[in-house]
Amino acid sequence: MIRIGQSTDIHQLAKGRDLILGGVKIESELGLVGHSDADVLTHVICEAILGALALGDIGKHFPDTDPKYKGIQSILLLEQVVDLMKAKGYSVVNIDALVIIEKPKLADYIDLMKRVLCPILEVHWEQLNIKATRGEKMGFVGRQEGVMAQAVCLLEKEEEK
């Protein structure tokens, strides 16, 4: 059986916070605001996988009302989501993700993000695609008030491979 999931996530930007995307710290004056490290890219990947499995959303599994998730690295949440996926007998066929951020440019960081995420997702390099684009000075992204990310993933039941 093949299952597809998708997600969109948005986080505010603020001074005094780290900008973590795909488990990589990005040089920036502004960082993402959230209960965890607010890694919007990792969040959408988690949620796309959960969606494909019909297991709800990231807030259901890691509520922001639970103090044990305060400041947690989102990569650790992804590890738990991958464990859930494997327990259901699925693996990732591919993931296509997009980060929409005005600044900084992410081109120099995408390979680093893939080096972090591919082993956790247990995928080969070509099974994970990460793209970035700008808000072109329009909307909340263009004004550097926030960052949005989107992801689509395709999962396949192990025995069907």
Protein backbone atom coordinates (compact mmCIF):
# COMPACT_ATOMS: atom_id res chain seq x y z
CA MET A 1 0.00 0.00 0.00
CA ILE A 2 1.18 3.50 -0.83
CA ARG A 3 0.15 6.50 1.30
CA ILE A 4 0.68 10.22 0.77
CA GLY A 5 0.85 12.98 3.37
CA GLN A 6 1.32 16.72 3.24
CA SER A 7 1.79 19.54 5.70
CA THR A 8 2.26 23.28 6.02
CA ASP A 9 3.73 24.97 9.08
CA ILE A 10 4.40 28.61 9.97
CA HIS A 11 6.52 30.09 12.76
CA GLN A 12 7.18 33.68 13.73
CA LEU A 13 10.66 35.17 13.54
CA ALA A 14 12.18 37.09 16.46
CA LYS A 15 15.52 38.36 17.71
CA GLY A 16 17.21 36.31 20.38
CA ARG A 17 16.19 32.94 18.94
CA ASP A 18 18.23 30.48 16.87
CA LEU A 19 17.23 29.77 13.30
CA ILE A 20 17.21 25.97 13.07
CA LEU A 21 16.08 24.36 9.81
CA GLY A 22 16.37 20.66 9.10
CA GLY A 23 18.43 20.26 12.27
CA VAL A 24 21.02 22.80 11.08
CA LYS A 25 21.73 26.12 12.80
CA ILE A 26 21.57 28.87 10.18
CA GLU A 27 23.44 32.16 10.54
CA SER A 28 20.75 34.78 11.05
CA GLU A 29 19.85 37.78 13.23
CA LEU A 30 16.33 36.36 13.57
CA GLY A 31 15.26 32.94 14.77
CA LEU A 32 12.04 30.96 14.92
CA VAL A 33 9.64 31.19 17.85
CA GLY A 34 8.01 28.06 19.23
CA HIS A 35 7.65 25.69 22.17
CA SER A 36 10.39 23.47 20.75
CA ASP A 37 13.37 24.72 18.74
CA ALA A 38 10.68 25.71 16.18
CA ASP A 39 12.43 23.92 13.30
CA VAL A 40 9.63 24.53 10.79
CA LEU A 41 11.21 22.26 8.13
CA THR A 42 11.50 19.28 10.45
CA HIS A 43 7.99 19.94 11.74
CA VAL A 44 6.42 19.70 8.27
CA ILE A 45 8.32 16.51 7.51
CA CYS A 46 7.07 14.99 10.79
CA GLU A 47 3.53 16.07 10.09
CA ALA A 48 3.54 14.89 6.46
CA ILE A 49 4.60 11.42 7.65
CA LEU A 50 1.96 11.44 10.40
CA GLY A 51 -0.64 12.53 7.85
CA ALA A 52 0.28 9.72 5.48
CA LEU A 53 -0.21 7.29 8.36
CA ALA A 54 -3.54 8.93 9.36
CA LEU A 55 -2.11 9.57 12.83
CA GLY A 56 -3.13 13.19 13.27
CA ASP A 57 -0.72 16.08 13.55
CA ILE A 58 2.43 17.01 15.41
CA GLY A 59 0.46 18.76 18.18
CA LYS A 60 -1.40 15.54 18.97
CA HIS A 61 1.85 13.64 19.50
CA PHE A 62 4.01 16.42 20.97
CA PRO A 63 1.66 18.98 22.58
CA ASP A 64 3.02 22.43 23.34
CA THR A 65 1.26 22.17 26.71
CA ASP A 66 3.66 19.40 27.77
CA PRO A 67 6.75 20.82 29.51
CA LYS A 68 8.89 17.86 28.40
CA TYR A 69 8.84 19.27 24.85
CA LYS A 70 9.87 22.80 25.90
CA GLY A 71 12.98 23.67 23.88
CA ILE A 72 13.33 20.13 22.48
CA GLN A 73 15.26 19.61 19.26
CA SER A 74 12.75 18.84 16.54
CA ILE A 75 15.15 16.23 15.17
CA LEU A 76 14.32 14.16 18.28
CA LEU A 77 10.62 14.45 17.43
CA LEU A 78 11.37 13.28 13.89
CA GLU A 79 13.16 10.22 15.27
CA GLN A 80 10.01 9.32 17.21
CA VAL A 81 7.81 9.85 14.14
CA VAL A 82 10.09 7.60 12.08
CA ASP A 83 9.82 4.95 14.83
CA LEU A 84 6.00 5.19 14.59
CA MET A 85 6.20 4.89 10.79
CA LYS A 86 8.41 1.80 10.99
CA ALA A 87 6.18 0.23 13.65
CA LYS A 88 3.29 0.53 11.17
CA GLY A 89 5.46 -1.22 8.55
CA TYR A 90 6.08 1.79 6.30
CA SER A 91 9.14 3.44 4.85
CA VAL A 92 9.69 6.68 2.97
CA VAL A 93 9.59 6.53 -0.84
CA ASN A 94 10.35 10.24 -1.13
CA ILE A 95 9.83 13.62 0.51
CA ASP A 96 9.66 16.97 -1.25
CA ALA A 97 9.94 19.98 1.07
CA LEU A 98 9.92 23.75 0.59
CA VAL A 99 11.02 26.50 2.98
CA ILE A 100 9.69 30.00 2.29
CA ILE A 101 11.96 32.54 3.97
CA GLU A 102 13.03 36.03 2.94
CA LYS A 103 16.53 35.93 4.48
CA PRO A 104 19.00 34.34 4.67
CA LYS A 105 19.42 32.46 1.43
CA LEU A 106 19.47 28.74 2.18
CA ALA A 107 21.30 27.34 -0.87
CA ASP A 108 24.54 26.83 1.08
CA TYR A 109 22.71 24.96 3.86
CA ILE A 110 20.55 22.50 1.94
CA ASP A 111 23.20 19.79 1.63
CA LEU A 112 23.89 20.08 5.38
CA MET A 113 20.18 19.67 6.10
CA LYS A 114 20.05 16.57 3.92
CA ARG A 115 23.12 15.14 5.74
CA VAL A 116 21.22 15.48 9.01
CA LEU A 117 17.78 14.34 7.82
CA CYS A 118 18.55 11.45 5.43
CA PRO A 119 19.99 9.10 8.09
CA ILE A 120 17.09 9.78 10.47
CA LEU A 121 14.55 9.18 7.70
CA GLU A 122 16.56 6.15 6.53
CA VAL A 123 16.51 7.40 2.95
CA HIS A 124 19.06 7.87 0.20
CA TRP A 125 20.09 11.36 -0.88
CA GLU A 126 17.80 11.38 -3.92
CA GLN A 127 14.73 10.45 -1.85
CA LEU A 128 14.74 13.80 -0.01
CA ASN A 129 14.37 17.08 -1.85
CA ILE A 130 14.61 20.41 -0.03
CA LYS A 131 13.92 23.69 -1.82
CA ALA A 132 13.85 27.28 -0.65
CA THR A 133 12.27 30.43 -2.00
CA ARG A 134 11.72 34.00 -0.87
CA GLY A 135 8.62 36.06 -0.23
CA GLU A 136 9.87 38.72 -2.66
CA LYS A 137 9.25 41.35 0.05
CA MET A 138 5.52 40.51 0.08
CA GLY A 139 3.38 39.32 2.98
CA PHE A 140 4.58 38.15 6.40
CA VAL A 141 7.48 36.22 4.84
CA GLY A 142 8.64 39.20 2.80
CA ARG A 143 8.45 41.46 5.87
CA GLN A 144 10.53 38.88 7.81
CA GLU A 145 7.79 38.31 10.36
CA GLY A 146 7.76 34.56 9.85
CA VAL A 147 8.80 31.49 7.91
CA MET A 148 6.58 28.93 6.21
CA ALA A 149 7.45 25.40 5.16
CA GLN A 150 5.56 22.76 3.22
CA ALA A 151 6.23 19.06 2.66
CA VAL A 152 4.73 16.17 0.78
CA CYS A 153 5.79 12.60 1.46
CA LEU A 154 5.06 9.25 -0.09
CA LEU A 155 5.22 6.15 2.10
CA GLU A 156 5.19 2.51 1.07
CA LYS A 157 4.28 -0.55 3.11
CA GLU A 158 7.46 -2.61 3.58
CA GLU A 159 6.17 -5.97 2.35
CA GLU A 160 5.18 -4.45 -1.00
CA LYS A 161 8.72 -3.43 -1.95
